[in-house]
C-alpha atoms as a PDB file:
ATOM      1  CA  MET A   1       0.071  -0.235  -0.393  1.00  0.00           C
ATOM      2  CA  PHE A   2       1.322   3.304  -0.782  1.00  0.00           C
ATOM      3  CA  ILE A   3       0.901   5.331   2.228  1.00  0.00           C
ATOM      4  CA  ARG A   4       2.933   2.741   4.481  1.00  0.00           C
ATOM      5  CA  GLN A   5       5.807   2.681   1.707  1.00  0.00           C
ATOM      6  CA  LEU A   6       5.395   6.096   2.056  1.00  0.00           C
ATOM      7  CA  GLU A   7       5.617   6.060   5.666  1.00  0.00           C
ATOM      8  CA  GLN A   8       8.403   3.519   5.915  1.00  0.00           C
ATOM      9  CA  ARG A   9      10.934   5.330   3.864  1.00  0.00           C
ATOM     10  CA  GLN A  10      10.407   8.416   5.557  1.00  0.00           C
ATOM     11  CA  GLN A  11      11.114   6.784   8.582  1.00  0.00           C
ATOM     12  CA  LYS A  12      14.481   5.069   7.188  1.00  0.00           C
ATOM     13  CA  ALA A  13      15.482   7.762   5.097  1.00  0.00           C
ATOM     14  CA  ASN A  14      14.397  10.234   8.197  1.00  0.00           C
ATOM     15  CA  SER A  15      13.223  12.185   5.906  1.00  0.00           C
ATOM     16  CA  LEU A  16      10.117  14.338   4.391  1.00  0.00           C
ATOM     17  CA  LEU A  17      11.354  15.292   1.416  1.00  0.00           C
ATOM     18  CA  CYS A  18       9.957  15.081  -1.947  1.00  0.00           C
ATOM     19  CA  VAL A  19      11.898  15.547  -5.241  1.00  0.00           C
ATOM     20  CA  GLY A  20       9.879  17.018  -8.375  1.00  0.00           C
ATOM     21  CA  LEU A  21      11.494  16.097 -11.627  1.00  0.00           C
ATOM     22  CA  ASP A  22      10.162  19.264 -13.817  1.00  0.00           C
ATOM     23  CA  PRO A  23      12.656  19.029 -16.851  1.00  0.00           C
ATOM     24  CA  GLN A  24      13.111  21.984 -18.812  1.00  0.00           C
ATOM     25  CA  ALA A  25      14.699  22.244 -21.908  1.00  0.00           C
ATOM     26  CA  LEU A  26      16.463  24.714 -22.109  1.00  0.00           C
ATOM     27  CA  LYS A  27      17.939  24.177 -19.137  1.00  0.00           C
ATOM     28  CA  ILE A  28      18.967  20.667 -19.453  1.00  0.00           C
ATOM     29  CA  SER A  29      20.795  21.170 -22.774  1.00  0.00           C
ATOM     30  CA  SER A  30      23.098  23.701 -22.155  1.00  0.00           C
ATOM     31  CA  LEU A  31      24.467  21.052 -20.006  1.00  0.00           C
ATOM     32  CA  ASN A  32      25.408  18.911 -23.200  1.00  0.00           C
ATOM     33  CA  ILE A  33      23.613  16.197 -22.053  1.00  0.00           C
ATOM     34  CA  ASN A  34      20.716  13.954 -23.014  1.00  0.00           C
ATOM     35  CA  LEU A  35      16.907  14.667 -20.895  1.00  0.00           C
ATOM     36  CA  SER A  36      17.928  10.313 -19.865  1.00  0.00           C
ATOM     37  CA  ASP A  37      21.283  10.970 -18.387  1.00  0.00           C
ATOM     38  CA  TRP A  38      20.045  13.916 -16.758  1.00  0.00           C
ATOM     39  CA  LEU A  39      17.183  12.501 -15.022  1.00  0.00           C
ATOM     40  CA  GLN A  40      19.014   9.544 -13.987  1.00  0.00           C
ATOM     41  CA  ALA A  41      22.207  12.003 -12.390  1.00  0.00           C
ATOM     42  CA  ILE A  42      19.459  13.792 -10.701  1.00  0.00           C
ATOM     43  CA  VAL A  43      17.591  10.857  -9.111  1.00  0.00           C
ATOM     44  CA  ASP A  44      21.176   9.280  -8.454  1.00  0.00           C
ATOM     45  CA  ALA A  45      22.248  12.630  -6.524  1.00  0.00           C
ATOM     46  CA  THR A  46      19.449  13.184  -4.369  1.00  0.00           C
ATOM     47  CA  ALA A  47      17.628   9.680  -3.526  1.00  0.00           C
ATOM     48  CA  LYS A  48      19.119   9.571  -0.364  1.00  0.00           C
ATOM     49  CA  HIS A  49      17.837  12.334   0.939  1.00  0.00           C
ATOM     50  CA  ALA A  50      14.497  11.531  -0.731  1.00  0.00           C
ATOM     51  CA  CYS A  51      11.096   9.824   0.702  1.00  0.00           C
ATOM     52  CA  ALA A  52       9.649  10.178  -2.312  1.00  0.00           C
ATOM     53  CA  PHE A  53      10.018  11.179  -6.182  1.00  0.00           C
ATOM     54  CA  LYS A  54       7.552  13.556  -7.955  1.00  0.00           C
ATOM     55  CA  PRO A  55       7.393  13.582 -12.167  1.00  0.00           C
ATOM     56  CA  GLN A  56       5.554  16.180 -13.426  1.00  0.00           C
ATOM     57  CA  ILE A  57       4.127  14.531 -16.588  1.00  0.00           C
ATOM     58  CA  ALA A  58       3.305  17.549 -18.325  1.00  0.00           C
ATOM     59  CA  HIS A  59       7.101  18.644 -18.676  1.00  0.00           C
ATOM     60  CA  PHE A  60       7.541  15.249 -20.271  1.00  0.00           C
ATOM     61  CA  SER A  61       4.994  15.305 -22.878  1.00  0.00           C
ATOM     62  CA  ALA A  62       5.835  18.746 -23.764  1.00  0.00           C
ATOM     63  CA  LEU A  63       9.337  17.247 -25.180  1.00  0.00           C
ATOM     64  CA  ALA A  64       7.677  14.569 -26.544  1.00  0.00           C
ATOM     65  CA  ALA A  65       9.347  12.362 -23.942  1.00  0.00           C
ATOM     66  CA  GLU A  66       6.937   9.401 -22.601  1.00  0.00           C
ATOM     67  CA  GLN A  67       9.553   7.123 -22.793  1.00  0.00           C
ATOM     68  CA  GLN A  68      11.858   9.035 -20.957  1.00  0.00           C
ATOM     69  CA  LEU A  69       8.909   9.070 -18.209  1.00  0.00           C
ATOM     70  CA  HIS A  70       8.534   5.492 -18.216  1.00  0.00           C
ATOM     71  CA  ASP A  71      12.514   4.743 -18.122  1.00  0.00           C
ATOM     72  CA  ILE A  72      13.065   6.942 -14.852  1.00  0.00           C
ATOM     73  CA  ILE A  73      10.043   5.752 -13.236  1.00  0.00           C
ATOM     74  CA  GLU A  74      11.184   1.902 -14.418  1.00  0.00           C
ATOM     75  CA  TYR A  75      15.454   3.628 -13.114  1.00  0.00           C
ATOM     76  CA  ILE A  76      13.997   4.771  -9.449  1.00  0.00           C
ATOM     77  CA  HIS A  77      11.949   1.168  -8.631  1.00  0.00           C
ATOM     78  CA  LEU A  78      14.902  -0.772  -9.876  1.00  0.00           C
ATOM     79  CA  ASN A  79      17.518   1.138  -7.954  1.00  0.00           C
ATOM     80  CA  TYR A  80      15.335   2.666  -5.175  1.00  0.00           C
ATOM     81  CA  PRO A  81      12.472   0.148  -4.583  1.00  0.00           C
ATOM     82  CA  ASP A  82      11.577   2.075  -1.203  1.00  0.00           C
ATOM     83  CA  ILE A  83      11.304   5.186  -2.794  1.00  0.00           C
ATOM     84  CA  PRO A  84       7.741   5.722  -4.026  1.00  0.00           C
ATOM     85  CA  VAL A  85       6.946   7.510  -6.871  1.00  0.00           C
ATOM     86  CA  ILE A  86       4.342  10.153  -7.107  1.00  0.00           C
ATOM     87  CA  LEU A  87       2.819  11.249 -10.895  1.00  0.00           C
ATOM     88  CA  ASP A  88       1.644  15.024 -10.994  1.00  0.00           C
ATOM     89  CA  SER A  89      -0.413  14.906 -13.695  1.00  0.00           C
ATOM     90  CA  LYS A  90      -4.055  16.442 -11.664  1.00  0.00           C
ATOM     91  CA  ARG A  91      -6.711  14.358 -13.836  1.00  0.00           C
ATOM     92  CA  GLY A  92      -9.748  15.124 -13.642  1.00  0.00           C
ATOM     93  CA  ASP A  93     -12.692  13.077 -15.593  1.00  0.00           C
ATOM     94  CA  ILE A  94     -15.166  10.048 -15.534  1.00  0.00           C
ATOM     95  CA  GLY A  95     -16.194   6.885 -16.468  1.00  0.00           C
ATOM     96  CA  SER A  96     -14.096   5.417 -19.185  1.00  0.00           C
ATOM     97  CA  THR A  97     -11.445   8.171 -19.028  1.00  0.00           C
ATOM     98  CA  ALA A  98     -10.100   8.914 -15.834  1.00  0.00           C
ATOM     99  CA  GLU A  99     -10.317   4.789 -15.927  1.00  0.00           C
ATOM    100  CA  ARG A 100      -7.633   5.836 -18.551  1.00  0.00           C
ATOM    101  CA  TYR A 101      -5.632   7.767 -17.183  1.00  0.00           C
ATOM    102  CA  ALA A 102      -5.572   5.866 -14.057  1.00  0.00           C
ATOM    103  CA  GLU A 103      -4.454   3.058 -16.724  1.00  0.00           C
ATOM    104  CA  GLU A 104      -1.687   5.503 -17.684  1.00  0.00           C
ATOM    105  CA  ALA A 105      -0.801   6.293 -14.438  1.00  0.00           C
ATOM    106  CA  PHE A 106      -0.593   3.111 -12.493  1.00  0.00           C
ATOM    107  CA  VAL A 107      -0.200   0.466 -15.523  1.00  0.00           C
ATOM    108  CA  ARG A 108       1.642   2.574 -18.160  1.00  0.00           C
ATOM    109  CA  TYR A 109       4.072   4.248 -15.801  1.00  0.00           C
ATOM    110  CA  GLN A 110       3.902   2.150 -13.096  1.00  0.00           C
ATOM    111  CA  ALA A 111       3.656   5.054 -10.785  1.00  0.00           C
ATOM    112  CA  ASP A 112       2.686   4.624  -7.156  1.00  0.00           C
ATOM    113  CA  ALA A 113       0.420   7.167  -6.731  1.00  0.00           C
ATOM    114  CA  LEU A 114      -0.998  10.285  -8.862  1.00  0.00           C
ATOM    115  CA  THR A 115      -2.269  13.668  -8.444  1.00  0.00           C
ATOM    116  CA  VAL A 116      -6.389  14.084  -9.031  1.00  0.00           C
ATOM    117  CA  ASN A 117      -8.927  17.119  -9.515  1.00  0.00           C
ATOM    118  CA  PRO A 118     -11.581  17.250  -7.869  1.00  0.00           C
ATOM    119  CA  TYR A 119     -14.035  19.686  -9.229  1.00  0.00           C
ATOM    120  CA  LEU A 120     -16.396  16.803 -11.167  1.00  0.00           C
ATOM    121  CA  GLY A 121     -16.639  15.172  -7.819  1.00  0.00           C
ATOM    122  CA  GLY A 122     -16.170  12.135  -6.052  1.00  0.00           C
ATOM    123  CA  ASP A 123     -16.691   9.521  -9.470  1.00  0.00           C
ATOM    124  CA  THR A 124     -13.960  11.455 -10.621  1.00  0.00           C
ATOM    125  CA  ILE A 125     -11.717   9.955  -7.770  1.00  0.00           C
ATOM    126  CA  GLU A 126     -13.408   6.443  -7.572  1.00  0.00           C
ATOM    127  CA  PRO A 127     -11.945   4.941 -10.613  1.00  0.00           C
ATOM    128  CA  TYR A 128      -8.134   5.828  -9.267  1.00  0.00           C
ATOM    129  CA  CYS A 129      -9.142   4.547  -5.698  1.00  0.00           C
ATOM    130  CA  GLN A 130      -9.838   1.049  -7.495  1.00  0.00           C
ATOM    131  CA  TYR A 131      -6.095   0.483  -7.584  1.00  0.00           C
ATOM    132  CA  THR A 132      -6.098  -0.004  -3.848  1.00  0.00           C
ATOM    133  CA  ASP A 133      -2.242  -0.187  -3.091  1.00  0.00           C
ATOM    134  CA  LYS A 134      -1.858   3.128  -4.967  1.00  0.00           C
ATOM    135  CA  GLY A 135      -1.818   6.264  -3.336  1.00  0.00           C
ATOM    136  CA  VAL A 136      -4.470   9.408  -5.484  1.00  0.00           C
ATOM    137  CA  VAL A 137      -3.443  12.276  -3.874  1.00  0.00           C
ATOM    138  CA  VAL A 138      -6.355  15.409  -4.477  1.00  0.00           C
ATOM    139  CA  LEU A 139      -5.892  19.097  -4.960  1.00  0.00           C
ATOM    140  CA  CYS A 140      -7.492  21.005  -1.653  1.00  0.00           C
ATOM    141  CA  LYS A 141      -5.894  23.994  -1.143  1.00  0.00           C
ATOM    142  CA  THR A 142      -3.318  24.438  -3.900  1.00  0.00           C
ATOM    143  CA  SER A 143      -0.443  26.648  -3.482  1.00  0.00           C
ATOM    144  CA  ASN A 144      -1.114  29.406  -6.524  1.00  0.00           C
ATOM    145  CA  ARG A 145      -1.847  32.598  -5.720  1.00  0.00           C
ATOM    146  CA  GLU A 146      -5.775  32.575  -6.846  1.00  0.00           C
ATOM    147  CA  SER A 147      -6.660  29.287  -5.919  1.00  0.00           C
ATOM    148  CA  GLY A 148      -9.299  31.270  -3.313  1.00  0.00           C
ATOM    149  CA  GLN A 149     -11.047  31.986  -6.641  1.00  0.00           C
ATOM    150  CA  LEU A 150     -12.502  28.991  -6.050  1.00  0.00           C
ATOM    151  CA  GLN A 151     -10.806  27.317  -3.126  1.00  0.00           C
ATOM    152  CA  ASP A 152     -12.277  29.550  -0.382  1.00  0.00           C
ATOM    153  CA  LEU A 153     -15.189  29.980  -1.604  1.00  0.00           C
ATOM    154  CA  LEU A 154     -17.779  30.011   1.253  1.00  0.00           C
ATOM    155  CA  LEU A 155     -20.975  26.758   1.591  1.00  0.00           C
ATOM    156  CA  GLU A 156     -24.337  27.659   2.868  1.00  0.00           C
ATOM    157  CA  SER A 157     -22.942  25.809   6.116  1.00  0.00           C
ATOM    158  CA  GLY A 158     -19.917  28.245   6.139  1.00  0.00           C
ATOM    159  CA  GLN A 159     -17.426  26.211   5.488  1.00  0.00           C
ATOM    160  CA  PRO A 160     -14.765  26.969   2.733  1.00  0.00           C
ATOM    161  CA  LEU A 161     -15.070  24.925  -0.116  1.00  0.00           C
ATOM    162  CA  TYR A 162     -11.590  23.489   0.074  1.00  0.00           C
ATOM    163  CA  LEU A 163     -12.719  22.384   3.650  1.00  0.00           C
ATOM    164  CA  HIS A 164     -15.589  20.478   2.121  1.00  0.00           C
ATOM    165  CA  VAL A 165     -12.979  18.691  -0.290  1.00  0.00           C
ATOM    166  CA  ALA A 166     -10.787  18.042   2.932  1.00  0.00           C
ATOM    167  CA  GLN A 167     -13.338  16.399   4.500  1.00  0.00           C
ATOM    168  CA  LEU A 168     -14.905  13.949   1.159  1.00  0.00           C
ATOM    169  CA  ALA A 169     -11.429  12.892   0.850  1.00  0.00           C
ATOM    170  CA  ALA A 170     -11.264  11.601   4.520  1.00  0.00           C
ATOM    171  CA  GLY A 171     -14.440  10.051   4.691  1.00  0.00           C
ATOM    172  CA  GLN A 172     -17.069   9.037   1.746  1.00  0.00           C
ATOM    173  CA  TRP A 173     -14.110   8.892  -0.921  1.00  0.00           C
ATOM    174  CA  ASN A 174     -11.220   7.350   1.389  1.00  0.00           C
ATOM    175  CA  LYS A 175     -12.838   3.414   1.122  1.00  0.00           C
ATOM    176  CA  ASN A 176      -9.766   2.023   0.751  1.00  0.00           C
ATOM    177  CA  ASN A 177      -7.288   4.064   2.834  1.00  0.00           C
ATOM    178  CA  ASN A 178      -5.057   5.279  -0.174  1.00  0.00           C
ATOM    179  CA  VAL A 179      -6.650   9.041  -0.395  1.00  0.00           C
ATOM    180  CA  LEU A 180      -4.302  11.989   0.410  1.00  0.00           C
ATOM    181  CA  LEU A 181      -4.449  15.597   0.004  1.00  0.00           C
ATOM    182  CA  VAL A 182      -2.360  18.263  -1.820  1.00  0.00           C
ATOM    183  CA  VAL A 183      -2.090  21.303   0.344  1.00  0.00           C
ATOM    184  CA  GLY A 184       0.306  24.669  -0.339  1.00  0.00           C
ATOM    185  CA  ALA A 185       2.750  25.751   2.030  1.00  0.00           C
ATOM    186  CA  THR A 186       2.053  29.286   0.866  1.00  0.00           C
ATOM    187  CA  TYR A 187      -1.460  28.626   2.724  1.00  0.00           C
ATOM    188  CA  PRO A 188      -0.194  27.574   6.865  1.00  0.00           C
ATOM    189  CA  GLU A 189      -4.035  28.627   8.374  1.00  0.00           C
ATOM    190  CA  GLN A 190      -5.718  26.205   6.076  1.00  0.00           C
ATOM    191  CA  LEU A 191      -3.183  23.638   6.279  1.00  0.00           C
ATOM    192  CA  GLN A 192      -4.095  23.747  10.271  1.00  0.00           C
ATOM    193  CA  ALA A 193      -7.547  23.663   9.826  1.00  0.00           C
ATOM    194  CA  VAL A 194      -6.986  21.071   7.044  1.00  0.00           C
ATOM    195  CA  ARG A 195      -4.922  18.884   9.135  1.00  0.00           C
ATOM    196  CA  GLU A 196      -7.654  19.424  12.098  1.00  0.00           C
ATOM    197  CA  GLN A 197     -10.263  17.836   9.844  1.00  0.00           C
ATOM    198  CA  VAL A 198      -8.942  14.901   8.081  1.00  0.00           C
ATOM    199  CA  GLY A 199      -6.943  13.373  11.737  1.00  0.00           C
ATOM    200  CA  ASN A 200      -3.664  11.356  10.325  1.00  0.00           C
ATOM    201  CA  MET A 201      -4.392  11.569   6.449  1.00  0.00           C
ATOM    202  CA  PRO A 202      -0.737  12.128   4.852  1.00  0.00           C
ATOM    203  CA  LEU A 203      -0.593  15.913   3.012  1.00  0.00           C
ATOM    204  CA  LEU A 204       2.072  16.683  -0.408  1.00  0.00           C
ATOM    205  CA  ILE A 205       2.304  19.864   0.359  1.00  0.00           C
ATOM    206  CA  PRO A 206       4.129  22.216  -3.123  1.00  0.00           C
ATOM    207  CA  GLY A 207       5.147  25.848  -1.913  1.00  0.00           C
ATOM    208  CA  ILE A 208       8.322  25.525  -0.680  1.00  0.00           C
ATOM    209  CA  GLY A 209      10.961  26.568  -2.142  1.00  0.00           C
ATOM    210  CA  ALA A 210      10.810  28.771  -5.629  1.00  0.00           C
ATOM    211  CA  GLN A 211       7.364  29.569  -4.302  1.00  0.00           C
ATOM    212  CA  GLY A 212       8.357  30.923  -1.078  1.00  0.00           C
ATOM    213  CA  GLY A 213       6.352  28.982   1.784  1.00  0.00           C
ATOM    214  CA  ASP A 214       7.181  29.500   4.899  1.00  0.00           C
ATOM    215  CA  LEU A 215       8.574  26.285   6.181  1.00  0.00           C
ATOM    216  CA  ALA A 216       8.559  26.448  10.099  1.00  0.00           C
ATOM    217  CA  ALA A 217       5.064  27.396   9.715  1.00  0.00           C
ATOM    218  CA  THR A 218       3.903  25.201   7.321  1.00  0.00           C
ATOM    219  CA  LEU A 219       5.634  22.351   9.544  1.00  0.00           C
ATOM    220  CA  LYS A 220       4.084  23.375  12.635  1.00  0.00           C
ATOM    221  CA  ALA A 221       0.310  23.636  11.060  1.00  0.00           C
ATOM    222  CA  GLY A 222       0.930  20.301   9.525  1.00  0.00           C
ATOM    223  CA  LEU A 223       3.105  17.717  10.820  1.00  0.00           C
ATOM    224  CA  ARG A 224       1.386  14.921  13.291  1.00  0.00           C
ATOM    225  CA  ASN A 225       2.620  14.288  16.624  1.00  0.00           C
ATOM    226  CA  ASP A 226       4.898  11.190  15.391  1.00  0.00           C
ATOM    227  CA  GLY A 227       6.233  13.691  13.330  1.00  0.00           C
ATOM    228  CA  LEU A 228       5.348  12.401  10.018  1.00  0.00           C
ATOM    229  CA  GLY A 229       2.276  13.680   7.769  1.00  0.00           C
ATOM    230  CA  LEU A 230       3.588  15.794   5.775  1.00  0.00           C
ATOM    231  CA  ILE A 231       5.351  15.456   1.981  1.00  0.00           C
ATOM    232  CA  ILE A 232       7.573  18.370   1.243  1.00  0.00           C
ATOM    233  CA  SER A 233       7.584  18.782  -2.211  1.00  0.00           C
ATOM    234  CA  ALA A 234      10.617  20.683  -4.099  1.00  0.00           C
ATOM    235  CA  SER A 235      11.561  21.107  -7.487  1.00  0.00           C
ATOM    236  CA  ARG A 236      13.007  24.031  -9.410  1.00  0.00           C
ATOM    237  CA  SER A 237      15.414  24.796  -5.868  1.00  0.00           C
ATOM    238  CA  ILE A 238      16.626  21.231  -6.133  1.00  0.00           C
ATOM    239  CA  ILE A 239      16.786  20.597  -9.698  1.00  0.00           C
ATOM    240  CA  TYR A 240      18.071  23.225 -10.809  1.00  0.00           C
ATOM    241  CA  ALA A 241      20.613  24.345  -8.092  1.00  0.00           C
ATOM    242  CA  GLY A 242      23.215  23.985 -10.266  1.00  0.00           C
ATOM    243  CA  ASP A 243      23.795  25.515 -13.738  1.00  0.00           C
ATOM    244  CA  GLY A 244      27.297  23.977 -14.677  1.00  0.00           C
ATOM    245  CA  ALA A 245      29.089  20.812 -14.615  1.00  0.00           C
ATOM    246  CA  ASP A 246      29.031  19.764 -11.133  1.00  0.00           C
ATOM    247  CA  PHE A 247      24.913  20.474 -11.792  1.00  0.00           C
ATOM    248  CA  SER A 248      23.787  17.244  -9.910  1.00  0.00           C
ATOM    249  CA  GLN A 249      25.993  17.857  -7.102  1.00  0.00           C
ATOM    250  CA  GLN A 250      24.619  20.805  -6.182  1.00  0.00           C
ATOM    251  CA  ALA A 251      20.869  19.391  -6.639  1.00  0.00           C
ATOM    252  CA  GLY A 252      22.039  16.731  -3.832  1.00  0.00           C
ATOM    253  CA  ASP A 253      23.321  19.055  -2.076  1.00  0.00           C
ATOM    254  CA  ALA A 254      20.218  21.221  -2.305  1.00  0.00           C
ATOM    255  CA  GLY A 255      18.694  18.671  -1.479  1.00  0.00           C
ATOM    256  CA  GLN A 256      20.186  17.550   1.549  1.00  0.00           C
ATOM    257  CA  GLN A 257      19.767  21.089   2.859  1.00  0.00           C
ATOM    258  CA  LEU A 258      16.547  21.128   2.430  1.00  0.00           C
ATOM    259  CA  LYS A 259      16.290  17.602   4.463  1.00  0.00           C
ATOM    260  CA  SER A 260      18.112  18.783   7.327  1.00  0.00           C
ATOM    261  CA  ALA A 261      16.213  22.592   7.734  1.00  0.00           C
ATOM    262  CA  ILE A 262      13.188  20.549   7.844  1.00  0.00           C
ATOM    263  CA  ASN A 263      14.362  17.940  10.430  1.00  0.00           C
ATOM    264  CA  GLU A 264      15.688  21.087  12.364  1.00  0.00           C
ATOM    265  CA  ILE A 265      12.395  22.259  12.487  1.00  0.00           C
ATOM    266  CA  ARG A 266      10.750  18.845  12.781  1.00  0.00           C
ATOM    267  CA  GLU A 267      13.077  18.087  16.445  1.00  0.00           C
ATOM    268  CA  SER A 268      12.036  21.663  17.520  1.00  0.00           C
ATOM    269  CA  LEU A 269       8.452  21.780  17.682  1.00  0.00           C
END
């Protein structure tokens, strides 16, 4: 089961850090290296600091690099079998289309978890949850500046929409205990409200690093009593930490620094 694999890795590596894999052609071409070799170098340099890897599917498909996406997930599974892979694609549809999206992620790419968009309601979540050994990571309160245009809307009950999503995700949608939520580090007060709503459910946290989320406020708001419960995702600030021949070393150093910063705050809390 994904959540068990994730938390075992977090404990083994003493890490809450998820390394995002977002290839950009201009940045990689300047290094005189092909995409496959760049991906493997980044993974090898950061693996010891990571509790998960999170490839972003649009960054691959825009480069016609679906095969490289398949290959790097396979590479991680073969070389670092205890590190789960979260495919970030934010899929959202119903019926046979949702079933194909689930098949794409879990069968074609062999991802361990997938990000999904709940805007269509519960029947867009169900096809993914049927893969009971996989994680289904539902968008809840996202890190982008204008997320509140929809997610903060108040319902007749007085509850904001994002908290209603959290309530459904922790209850009605979570029949197989494989649902997680995305909550941005840029909104620590809302993160605390989500944590209170969902109990021990793990939360994927984007927004640290390039988006400027407050790490200390995030950990204080979202950590469980056991020091787990969060997956702190960082992409650009790690994988593009260096732009020279030592790019992979720089990425590894950036990953280690963020992991250490997270653990220092965890210990103080």
